[in-house]
């Protein structure tokens, strides 16, 4: 049985970014951990986070409601519900 060629995570990331560029898909690159690089992009109705590690890749996709809001009270409620906040958010300028 032939030995599998190891996956080159950096080359896989470069190839993926080249693909997104060729398809004219806007993306951003960030680092959310010490061992991976994340590529974020969206298509109509779905948002993706693709994490590239040295030897593998994983992704998450989000198809739920991602509405935009300007309601300060809703923002405060969501921050309180989902965050472990040590300080209170400053009030808005409005």
PDB file of N, CA and C in Angstrom:
ATOM      1  N   UNK A   1       0.850  -1.178   0.000  1.00  0.00           N
ATOM      2  CA  UNK A   1       0.000   0.000   0.000  1.00  0.00           C
ATOM      3  C   UNK A   1       0.898   1.244   0.000  1.00  0.00           C
ATOM      4  N   UNK A   2       0.660   2.190  -0.939  1.00  0.00           N
ATOM      5  CA  UNK A   2       1.505   3.384  -0.984  1.00  0.00           C
ATOM      6  C   UNK A   2       1.256   4.282   0.230  1.00  0.00           C
ATOM      7  N   UNK A   3       2.328   4.914   0.674  1.00  0.00           N
ATOM      8  CA  UNK A   3       2.236   5.814   1.828  1.00  0.00           C
ATOM      9  C   UNK A   3       1.544   7.109   1.407  1.00  0.00           C
ATOM     10  N   UNK A   4       0.603   7.571   2.250  1.00  0.00           N
ATOM     11  CA  UNK A   4      -0.104   8.816   1.966  1.00  0.00           C
ATOM     12  C   UNK A   4       0.843   9.999   2.083  1.00  0.00           C
ATOM     13  N   UNK A   5       0.714  10.919   1.148  1.00  0.00           N
ATOM     14  CA  UNK A   5       1.499  12.136   1.199  1.00  0.00           C
ATOM     15  C   UNK A   5       0.927  13.037   2.287  1.00  0.00           C
ATOM     16  N   UNK A   6       1.764  13.590   3.175  1.00  0.00           N
ATOM     17  CA  UNK A   6       1.239  14.456   4.232  1.00  0.00           C
ATOM     18  C   UNK A   6       0.604  15.717   3.650  1.00  0.00           C
ATOM     19  N   UNK A   7      -0.407  16.199   4.334  1.00  0.00           N
ATOM     20  CA  UNK A   7      -1.096  17.410   3.902  1.00  0.00           C
ATOM     21  C   UNK A   7      -0.261  18.626   4.295  1.00  0.00           C
ATOM     22  N   UNK A   8      -0.059  19.519   3.356  1.00  0.00           N
ATOM     23  CA  UNK A   8       0.644  20.773   3.622  1.00  0.00           C
ATOM     24  C   UNK A   8      -0.414  21.832   3.889  1.00  0.00           C
ATOM     25  N   UNK A   9      -0.628  22.156   5.174  1.00  0.00           N
ATOM     26  CA  UNK A   9      -1.684  23.089   5.548  1.00  0.00           C
ATOM     27  C   UNK A   9      -1.520  24.467   4.956  1.00  0.00           C
ATOM     28  N   UNK A  10      -0.285  24.961   4.872  1.00  0.00           N
ATOM     29  CA  UNK A  10      -0.053  26.287   4.306  1.00  0.00           C
ATOM     30  C   UNK A  10      -0.392  26.295   2.819  1.00  0.00           C
ATOM     31  N   UNK A  11       0.013  25.277   2.094  1.00  0.00           N
ATOM     32  CA  UNK A  11      -0.309  25.212   0.668  1.00  0.00           C
ATOM     33  C   UNK A  11      -1.817  25.108   0.466  1.00  0.00           C
ATOM     34  N   UNK A  12      -2.479  24.341   1.316  1.00  0.00           N
ATOM     35  CA  UNK A  12      -3.944  24.220   1.221  1.00  0.00           C
ATOM     36  C   UNK A  12      -4.608  25.581   1.439  1.00  0.00           C
ATOM     37  N   UNK A  13      -4.120  26.361   2.403  1.00  0.00           N
ATOM     38  CA  UNK A  13      -4.641  27.705   2.657  1.00  0.00           C
ATOM     39  C   UNK A  13      -4.418  28.603   1.445  1.00  0.00           C
ATOM     40  N   UNK A  14      -3.214  28.597   0.893  1.00  0.00           N
ATOM     41  CA  UNK A  14      -2.909  29.426  -0.273  1.00  0.00           C
ATOM     42  C   UNK A  14      -3.795  29.046  -1.453  1.00  0.00           C
ATOM     43  N   UNK A  15      -3.961  27.760  -1.692  1.00  0.00           N
ATOM     44  CA  UNK A  15      -4.812  27.304  -2.793  1.00  0.00           C
ATOM     45  C   UNK A  15      -6.259  27.758  -2.588  1.00  0.00           C
ATOM     46  N   UNK A  16      -6.741  27.692  -1.350  1.00  0.00           N
ATOM     47  CA  UNK A  16      -8.116  28.089  -1.060  1.00  0.00           C
ATOM     48  C   UNK A  16      -8.305  29.588  -1.276  1.00  0.00           C
ATOM     49  N   UNK A  17      -7.365  30.391  -0.797  1.00  0.00           N
ATOM     50  CA  UNK A  17      -7.438  31.848  -0.980  1.00  0.00           C
ATOM     51  C   UNK A  17      -7.375  32.195  -2.473  1.00  0.00           C
ATOM     52  N   UNK A  18      -6.531  31.504  -3.232  1.00  0.00           N
ATOM     53  CA  UNK A  18      -6.485  31.720  -4.683  1.00  0.00           C
ATOM     54  C   UNK A  18      -7.837  31.412  -5.320  1.00  0.00           C
ATOM     55  N   UNK A  19      -8.467  30.329  -4.879  1.00  0.00           N
ATOM     56  CA  UNK A  19      -9.794  29.975  -5.380  1.00  0.00           C
ATOM     57  C   UNK A  19     -10.796  31.099  -5.108  1.00  0.00           C
ATOM     58  N   UNK A  20     -10.816  31.604  -3.858  1.00  0.00           N
ATOM     59  CA  UNK A  20     -11.751  32.686  -3.514  1.00  0.00           C
ATOM     60  C   UNK A  20     -11.490  33.923  -4.358  1.00  0.00           C
ATOM     61  N   UNK A  21     -10.227  34.267  -4.562  1.00  0.00           N
ATOM     62  CA  UNK A  21      -9.888  35.429  -5.406  1.00  0.00           C
ATOM     63  C   UNK A  21     -10.376  35.240  -6.835  1.00  0.00           C
ATOM     64  N   UNK A  22     -10.130  34.067  -7.401  1.00  0.00           N
ATOM     65  CA  UNK A  22     -10.569  33.793  -8.779  1.00  0.00           C
ATOM     66  C   UNK A  22     -12.083  33.877  -8.902  1.00  0.00           C
ATOM     67  N   UNK A  23     -12.793  33.469  -7.852  1.00  0.00           N
ATOM     68  CA  UNK A  23     -14.256  33.526  -7.853  1.00  0.00           C
ATOM     69  C   UNK A  23     -14.786  34.901  -7.444  1.00  0.00           C
ATOM     70  N   UNK A  24     -13.864  35.819  -7.121  1.00  0.00           N
ATOM     71  CA  UNK A  24     -14.209  37.184  -6.681  1.00  0.00           C
ATOM     72  C   UNK A  24     -15.100  37.176  -5.440  1.00  0.00           C
ATOM     73  N   UNK A  25     -14.744  36.315  -4.503  1.00  0.00           N
ATOM     74  CA  UNK A  25     -15.451  36.218  -3.227  1.00  0.00           C
ATOM     75  C   UNK A  25     -14.626  36.970  -2.194  1.00  0.00           C
ATOM     76  N   UNK A  26     -15.221  37.991  -1.595  1.00  0.00           N
ATOM     77  CA  UNK A  26     -14.526  38.770  -0.572  1.00  0.00           C
ATOM     78  C   UNK A  26     -14.311  37.898   0.660  1.00  0.00           C
ATOM     79  N   UNK A  27     -13.127  37.994   1.249  1.00  0.00           N
ATOM     80  CA  UNK A  27     -12.803  37.194   2.427  1.00  0.00           C
ATOM     81  C   UNK A  27     -11.893  37.992   3.349  1.00  0.00           C
ATOM     82  N   UNK A  28     -11.793  37.525   4.569  1.00  0.00           N
ATOM     83  CA  UNK A  28     -10.821  38.085   5.505  1.00  0.00           C
ATOM     84  C   UNK A  28     -10.078  36.931   6.157  1.00  0.00           C
ATOM     85  N   UNK A  29      -8.846  37.214   6.563  1.00  0.00           N
ATOM     86  CA  UNK A  29      -8.010  36.214   7.206  1.00  0.00           C
ATOM     87  C   UNK A  29      -7.687  36.695   8.606  1.00  0.00           C
ATOM     88  N   UNK A  30      -7.837  35.803   9.574  1.00  0.00           N
ATOM     89  CA  UNK A  30      -7.544  36.154  10.968  1.00  0.00           C
ATOM     90  C   UNK A  30      -6.969  34.929  11.672  1.00  0.00           C
ATOM     91  N   UNK A  31      -6.577  35.149  12.901  1.00  0.00           N
ATOM     92  CA  UNK A  31      -6.069  34.051  13.713  1.00  0.00           C
ATOM     93  C   UNK A  31      -6.852  34.030  15.012  1.00  0.00           C
ATOM     94  N   UNK A  32      -7.550  32.936  15.256  1.00  0.00           N
ATOM     95  CA  UNK A  32      -8.361  32.809  16.465  1.00  0.00           C
ATOM     96  C   UNK A  32      -7.736  31.861  17.469  1.00  0.00           C
ATOM     97  N   UNK A  33      -6.607  31.250  17.090  1.00  0.00           N
ATOM     98  CA  UNK A  33      -5.897  30.366  18.000  1.00  0.00           C
ATOM     99  C   UNK A  33      -4.414  30.398  17.653  1.00  0.00           C
ATOM    100  N   UNK A  34      -3.611  29.791  18.484  1.00  0.00           N
ATOM    101  CA  UNK A  34      -2.168  29.760  18.247  1.00  0.00           C
ATOM    102  C   UNK A  34      -1.771  28.770  17.160  1.00  0.00           C
ATOM    103  N   UNK A  35      -2.680  27.911  16.755  1.00  0.00           N
ATOM    104  CA  UNK A  35      -2.312  26.837  15.838  1.00  0.00           C
ATOM    105  C   UNK A  35      -3.105  26.821  14.533  1.00  0.00           C
ATOM    106  N   UNK A  36      -3.904  27.864  14.266  1.00  0.00           N
ATOM    107  CA  UNK A  36      -4.684  27.855  13.031  1.00  0.00           C
ATOM    108  C   UNK A  36      -4.821  29.261  12.457  1.00  0.00           C
ATOM    109  N   UNK A  37      -5.193  29.301  11.182  1.00  0.00           N
ATOM    110  CA  UNK A  37      -5.518  30.543  10.485  1.00  0.00           C
ATOM    111  C   UNK A  37      -6.935  30.393   9.971  1.00  0.00           C
ATOM    112  N   UNK A  38      -7.755  31.435  10.166  1.00  0.00           N
ATOM    113  CA  UNK A  38      -9.165  31.383   9.798  1.00  0.00           C
ATOM    114  C   UNK A  38      -9.434  32.269   8.592  1.00  0.00           C
ATOM    115  N   UNK A  39     -10.188  31.740   7.645  1.00  0.00           N
ATOM    116  CA  UNK A  39     -10.658  32.504   6.495  1.00  0.00           C
ATOM    117  C   UNK A  39     -12.170  32.642   6.660  1.00  0.00           C
ATOM    118  N   UNK A  40     -12.637  33.896   6.706  1.00  0.00           N
ATOM    119  CA  UNK A  40     -14.071  34.193   6.827  1.00  0.00           C
ATOM    120  C   UNK A  40     -14.569  34.729   5.493  1.00  0.00           C
ATOM    121  N   UNK A  41     -15.727  34.237   5.040  1.00  0.00           N
ATOM    122  CA  UNK A  41     -16.345  34.765   3.831  1.00  0.00           C
ATOM    123  C   UNK A  41     -17.823  34.426   3.846  1.00  0.00           C
ATOM    124  N   UNK A  42     -18.558  35.122   3.025  1.00  0.00           N
ATOM    125  CA  UNK A  42     -19.988  34.878   2.957  1.00  0.00           C
ATOM    126  C   UNK A  42     -20.472  34.763   1.533  1.00  0.00           C
ATOM    127  N   UNK A  43     -21.498  33.988   1.361  1.00  0.00           N
ATOM    128  CA  UNK A  43     -22.234  33.885   0.115  1.00  0.00           C
ATOM    129  C   UNK A  43     -23.677  34.216   0.447  1.00  0.00           C
ATOM    130  N   UNK A  44     -24.488  34.408  -0.537  1.00  0.00           N
ATOM    131  CA  UNK A  44     -25.872  34.784  -0.293  1.00  0.00           C
ATOM    132  C   UNK A  44     -26.553  33.762   0.607  1.00  0.00           C
ATOM    133  N   UNK A  45     -26.904  34.168   1.820  1.00  0.00           N
ATOM    134  CA  UNK A  45     -27.633  33.306   2.743  1.00  0.00           C
ATOM    135  C   UNK A  45     -26.795  32.429   3.651  1.00  0.00           C
ATOM    136  N   UNK A  46     -25.463  32.491   3.527  1.00  0.00           N
ATOM    137  CA  UNK A  46     -24.618  31.649   4.372  1.00  0.00           C
ATOM    138  C   UNK A  46     -23.273  32.329   4.609  1.00  0.00           C
ATOM    139  N   UNK A  47     -22.774  32.204   5.820  1.00  0.00           N
ATOM    140  CA  UNK A  47     -21.464  32.739   6.194  1.00  0.00           C
ATOM    141  C   UNK A  47     -20.584  31.568   6.606  1.00  0.00           C
ATOM    142  N   UNK A  48     -19.304  31.621   6.219  1.00  0.00           N
ATOM    143  CA  UNK A  48     -18.374  30.532   6.490  1.00  0.00           C
ATOM    144  C   UNK A  48     -17.185  31.004   7.321  1.00  0.00           C
ATOM    145  N   UNK A  49     -16.707  30.137   8.194  1.00  0.00           N
ATOM    146  CA  UNK A  49     -15.435  30.305   8.895  1.00  0.00           C
ATOM    147  C   UNK A  49     -14.656  29.017   8.645  1.00  0.00           C
ATOM    148  N   UNK A  50     -13.551  29.115   7.929  1.00  0.00           N
ATOM    149  CA  UNK A  50     -12.749  27.948   7.577  1.00  0.00           C
ATOM    150  C   UNK A  50     -11.424  28.042   8.322  1.00  0.00           C
ATOM    151  N   UNK A  51     -11.144  27.067   9.164  1.00  0.00           N
ATOM    152  CA  UNK A  51      -9.928  27.051   9.977  1.00  0.00           C
ATOM    153  C   UNK A  51      -8.924  26.080   9.380  1.00  0.00           C
ATOM    154  N   UNK A  52      -7.733  26.601   9.060  1.00  0.00           N
ATOM    155  CA  UNK A  52      -6.658  25.794   8.491  1.00  0.00           C
ATOM    156  C   UNK A  52      -5.622  25.514   9.561  1.00  0.00           C
ATOM    157  N   UNK A  53      -5.354  24.245   9.776  1.00  0.00           N
ATOM    158  CA  UNK A  53      -4.338  23.767  10.723  1.00  0.00           C
ATOM    159  C   UNK A  53      -3.181  23.184   9.915  1.00  0.00           C
ATOM    160  N   UNK A  54      -2.054  22.885  10.550  1.00  0.00           N
ATOM    161  CA  UNK A  54      -0.925  22.329   9.794  1.00  0.00           C
ATOM    162  C   UNK A  54      -1.268  21.046   9.025  1.00  0.00           C
ATOM    163  N   UNK A  55      -2.180  20.232   9.562  1.00  0.00           N
ATOM    164  CA  UNK A  55      -2.449  18.942   8.925  1.00  0.00           C
ATOM    165  C   UNK A  55      -3.914  18.670   8.595  1.00  0.00           C
ATOM    166  N   UNK A  56      -4.795  19.648   8.803  1.00  0.00           N
ATOM    167  CA  UNK A  56      -6.200  19.457   8.446  1.00  0.00           C
ATOM    168  C   UNK A  56      -6.914  20.800   8.375  1.00  0.00           C
ATOM    169  N   UNK A  57      -8.171  20.746   7.928  1.00  0.00           N
ATOM    170  CA  UNK A  57      -9.008  21.931   7.796  1.00  0.00           C
ATOM    171  C   UNK A  57     -10.387  21.579   8.339  1.00  0.00           C
ATOM    172  N   UNK A  58     -11.015  22.533   9.052  1.00  0.00           N
ATOM    173  CA  UNK A  58     -12.404  22.377   9.476  1.00  0.00           C
ATOM    174  C   UNK A  58     -13.139  23.668   9.132  1.00  0.00           C
ATOM    175  N   UNK A  59     -14.456  23.597   9.047  1.00  0.00           N
ATOM    176  CA  UNK A  59     -15.217  24.815   8.776  1.00  0.00           C
ATOM    177  C   UNK A  59     -16.545  24.794   9.504  1.00  0.00           C
ATOM    178  N   UNK A  60     -17.057  25.995   9.706  1.00  0.00           N
ATOM    179  CA  UNK A  60     -18.400  26.182  10.252  1.00  0.00           C
ATOM    180  C   UNK A  60     -19.170  27.032   9.258  1.00  0.00           C
ATOM    181  N   UNK A  61     -20.453  26.786   9.163  1.00  0.00           N
ATOM    182  CA  UNK A  61     -21.290  27.619   8.300  1.00  0.00           C
ATOM    183  C   UNK A  61     -22.529  28.047   9.084  1.00  0.00           C
ATOM    184  N   UNK A  62     -22.979  29.253   8.783  1.00  0.00           N
ATOM    185  CA  UNK A  62     -24.079  29.855   9.529  1.00  0.00           C
ATOM    186  C   UNK A  62     -25.146  30.297   8.545  1.00  0.00           C
ATOM    187  N   UNK A  63     -26.323  29.737   8.699  1.00  0.00           N
ATOM    188  CA  UNK A  63     -27.421  30.072   7.796  1.00  0.00           C
ATOM    189  C   UNK A  63     -28.592  30.697   8.542  1.00  0.00           C
ATOM    190  N   UNK A  64     -28.405  30.948   9.819  1.00  0.00           N
ATOM    191  CA  UNK A  64     -29.489  31.502  10.626  1.00  0.00           C
ATOM    192  C   UNK A  64     -29.662  32.992  10.423  1.00  0.00           C
ATOM    193  N   UNK A  65     -30.510  33.546  11.236  1.00  0.00           N
ATOM    194  CA  UNK A  65     -30.813  34.968  11.187  1.00  0.00           C
ATOM    195  C   UNK A  65     -29.611  35.767  11.692  1.00  0.00           C
ATOM    196  N   UNK A  66     -29.082  36.631  10.846  1.00  0.00           N
ATOM    197  CA  UNK A  66     -27.976  37.506  11.230  1.00  0.00           C
ATOM    198  C   UNK A  66     -28.370  38.951  10.942  1.00  0.00           C
ATOM    199  N   UNK A  67     -29.561  39.321  11.430  1.00  0.00           N
ATOM    200  CA  UNK A  67     -30.084  40.664  11.198  1.00  0.00           C
ATOM    201  C   UNK A  67     -29.170  41.732  11.765  1.00  0.00           C
ATOM    202  N   UNK A  68     -29.283  42.918  11.201  1.00  0.00           N
ATOM    203  CA  UNK A  68     -28.582  44.096  11.684  1.00  0.00           C
ATOM    204  C   UNK A  68     -29.568  44.915  12.505  1.00  0.00           C
ATOM    205  N   UNK A  69     -29.114  45.471  13.620  1.00  0.00           N
ATOM    206  CA  UNK A  69     -29.985  46.252  14.492  1.00  0.00           C
ATOM    207  C   UNK A  69     -29.228  47.449  15.041  1.00  0.00           C
ATOM    208  N   UNK A  70     -29.947  48.483  15.409  1.00  0.00           N
ATOM    209  CA  UNK A  70     -29.343  49.647  16.058  1.00  0.00           C
ATOM    210  C   UNK A  70     -29.929  49.857  17.453  1.00  0.00           C
ATOM    211  N   UNK A  71     -30.603  48.856  17.986  1.00  0.00           N
ATOM    212  CA  UNK A  71     -31.256  48.929  19.292  1.00  0.00           C
ATOM    213  C   UNK A  71     -30.240  48.690  20.413  1.00  0.00           C
ATOM    214  N   UNK A  72     -29.871  49.752  21.139  1.00  0.00           N
ATOM    215  CA  UNK A  72     -28.890  49.641  22.232  1.00  0.00           C
ATOM    216  C   UNK A  72     -29.335  48.661  23.307  1.00  0.00           C
ATOM    217  N   UNK A  73     -30.617  48.634  23.611  1.00  0.00           N
ATOM    218  CA  UNK A  73     -31.113  47.731  24.653  1.00  0.00           C
ATOM    219  C   UNK A  73     -30.950  46.274  24.242  1.00  0.00           C
ATOM    220  N   UNK A  74     -31.185  45.979  22.974  1.00  0.00           N
ATOM    221  CA  UNK A  74     -30.987  44.622  22.473  1.00  0.00           C
ATOM    222  C   UNK A  74     -29.509  44.243  22.549  1.00  0.00           C
ATOM    223  N   UNK A  75     -28.625  45.158  22.172  1.00  0.00           N
ATOM    224  CA  UNK A  75     -27.188  44.897  22.257  1.00  0.00           C
ATOM    225  C   UNK A  75     -26.778  44.594  23.697  1.00  0.00           C
ATOM    226  N   UNK A  76     -27.241  45.409  24.625  1.00  0.00           N
ATOM    227  CA  UNK A  76     -26.915  45.177  26.042  1.00  0.00           C
ATOM    228  C   UNK A  76     -27.447  43.830  26.528  1.00  0.00           C
ATOM    229  N   UNK A  77     -28.659  43.478  26.112  1.00  0.00           N
ATOM    230  CA  UNK A  77     -29.248  42.205  26.526  1.00  0.00           C
ATOM    231  C   UNK A  77     -28.451  41.021  25.968  1.00  0.00           C
ATOM    232  N   UNK A  78     -28.037  41.113  24.704  1.00  0.00           N
ATOM    233  CA  UNK A  78     -27.256  40.035  24.093  1.00  0.00           C
ATOM    234  C   UNK A  78     -25.870  39.929  24.724  1.00  0.00           C
ATOM    235  N   UNK A  79     -25.244  41.067  25.005  1.00  0.00           N
ATOM    236  CA  UNK A  79     -23.938  41.043  25.665  1.00  0.00           C
ATOM    237  C   UNK A  79     -24.042  40.415  27.046  1.00  0.00           C
ATOM    238  N   UNK A  80     -25.107  40.742  27.763  1.00  0.00           N
ATOM    239  CA  UNK A  80     -25.301  40.169  29.099  1.00  0.00           C
ATOM    240  C   UNK A  80     -25.581  38.670  29.027  1.00  0.00           C
ATOM    241  N   UNK A  81     -26.379  38.266  28.054  1.00  0.00           N
ATOM    242  CA  UNK A  81     -26.758  36.860  27.941  1.00  0.00           C
ATOM    243  C   UNK A  81     -25.592  35.976  27.496  1.00  0.00           C
ATOM    244  N   UNK A  82     -24.820  36.441  26.518  1.00  0.00           N
ATOM    245  CA  UNK A  82     -23.798  35.586  25.916  1.00  0.00           C
ATOM    246  C   UNK A  82     -22.369  35.929  26.320  1.00  0.00           C
ATOM    247  N   UNK A  83     -22.161  37.033  27.006  1.00  0.00           N
ATOM    248  CA  UNK A  83     -20.810  37.438  27.357  1.00  0.00           C
ATOM    249  C   UNK A  83     -20.546  37.330  28.840  1.00  0.00           C
ATOM    250  N   UNK A  84     -19.289  37.225  29.171  1.00  0.00           N
ATOM    251  CA  UNK A  84     -18.859  37.261  30.566  1.00  0.00           C
ATOM    252  C   UNK A  84     -18.189  38.613  30.768  1.00  0.00           C
ATOM    253  N   UNK A  85     -19.010  39.632  30.934  1.00  0.00           N
ATOM    254  CA  UNK A  85     -18.527  41.008  30.944  1.00  0.00           C
ATOM    255  C   UNK A  85     -18.069  41.436  32.326  1.00  0.00           C
ATOM    256  N   UNK A  86     -16.955  42.139  32.345  1.00  0.00           N
ATOM    257  CA  UNK A  86     -16.432  42.678  33.596  1.00  0.00           C
ATOM    258  C   UNK A  86     -16.757  44.166  33.746  1.00  0.00           C
ATOM    259  N   UNK A  87     -17.044  44.819  32.639  1.00  0.00           N
ATOM    260  CA  UNK A  87     -17.378  46.246  32.672  1.00  0.00           C
ATOM    261  C   UNK A  87     -18.648  46.477  31.877  1.00  0.00           C
ATOM    262  N   UNK A  88     -19.289  47.610  32.139  1.00  0.00           N
ATOM    263  CA  UNK A  88     -20.502  47.960  31.422  1.00  0.00           C
ATOM    264  C   UNK A  88     -20.118  48.659  30.125  1.00  0.00           C
ATOM    265  N   UNK A  89     -20.859  48.388  29.082  1.00  0.00           N
ATOM    266  CA  UNK A  89     -20.637  49.008  27.775  1.00  0.00           C
ATOM    267  C   UNK A  89     -20.929  50.498  27.867  1.00  0.00           C
ATOM    268  N   UNK A  90     -20.067  51.352  27.289  1.00  0.00           N
ATOM    269  CA  UNK A  90     -20.360  52.789  27.311  1.00  0.00           C
ATOM    270  C   UNK A  90     -21.615  53.089  26.506  1.00  0.00           C
ATOM    271  N   UNK A  91     -22.351  54.135  26.878  1.00  0.00           N
ATOM    272  CA  UNK A  91     -23.576  54.480  26.130  1.00  0.00           C
ATOM    273  C   UNK A  91     -23.231  54.956  24.710  1.00  0.00           C
ATOM    274  N   UNK A  92     -24.207  54.851  23.828  1.00  0.00           N
ATOM    275  CA  UNK A  92     -23.982  55.308  22.447  1.00  0.00           C
ATOM    276  C   UNK A  92     -24.043  56.816  22.371  1.00  0.00           C
ATOM    277  N   UNK A  93     -23.684  57.357  21.219  1.00  0.00           N
ATOM    278  CA  UNK A  93     -23.691  58.804  21.007  1.00  0.00           C
ATOM    279  C   UNK A  93     -25.067  59.325  20.631  1.00  0.00           C
ATOM    280  N   UNK A  94     -26.032  58.437  20.427  1.00  0.00           N
ATOM    281  CA  UNK A  94     -27.357  58.897  19.992  1.00  0.00           C
ATOM    282  C   UNK A  94     -28.231  59.289  21.142  1.00  0.00           C
TER     283      UNK A  94
END
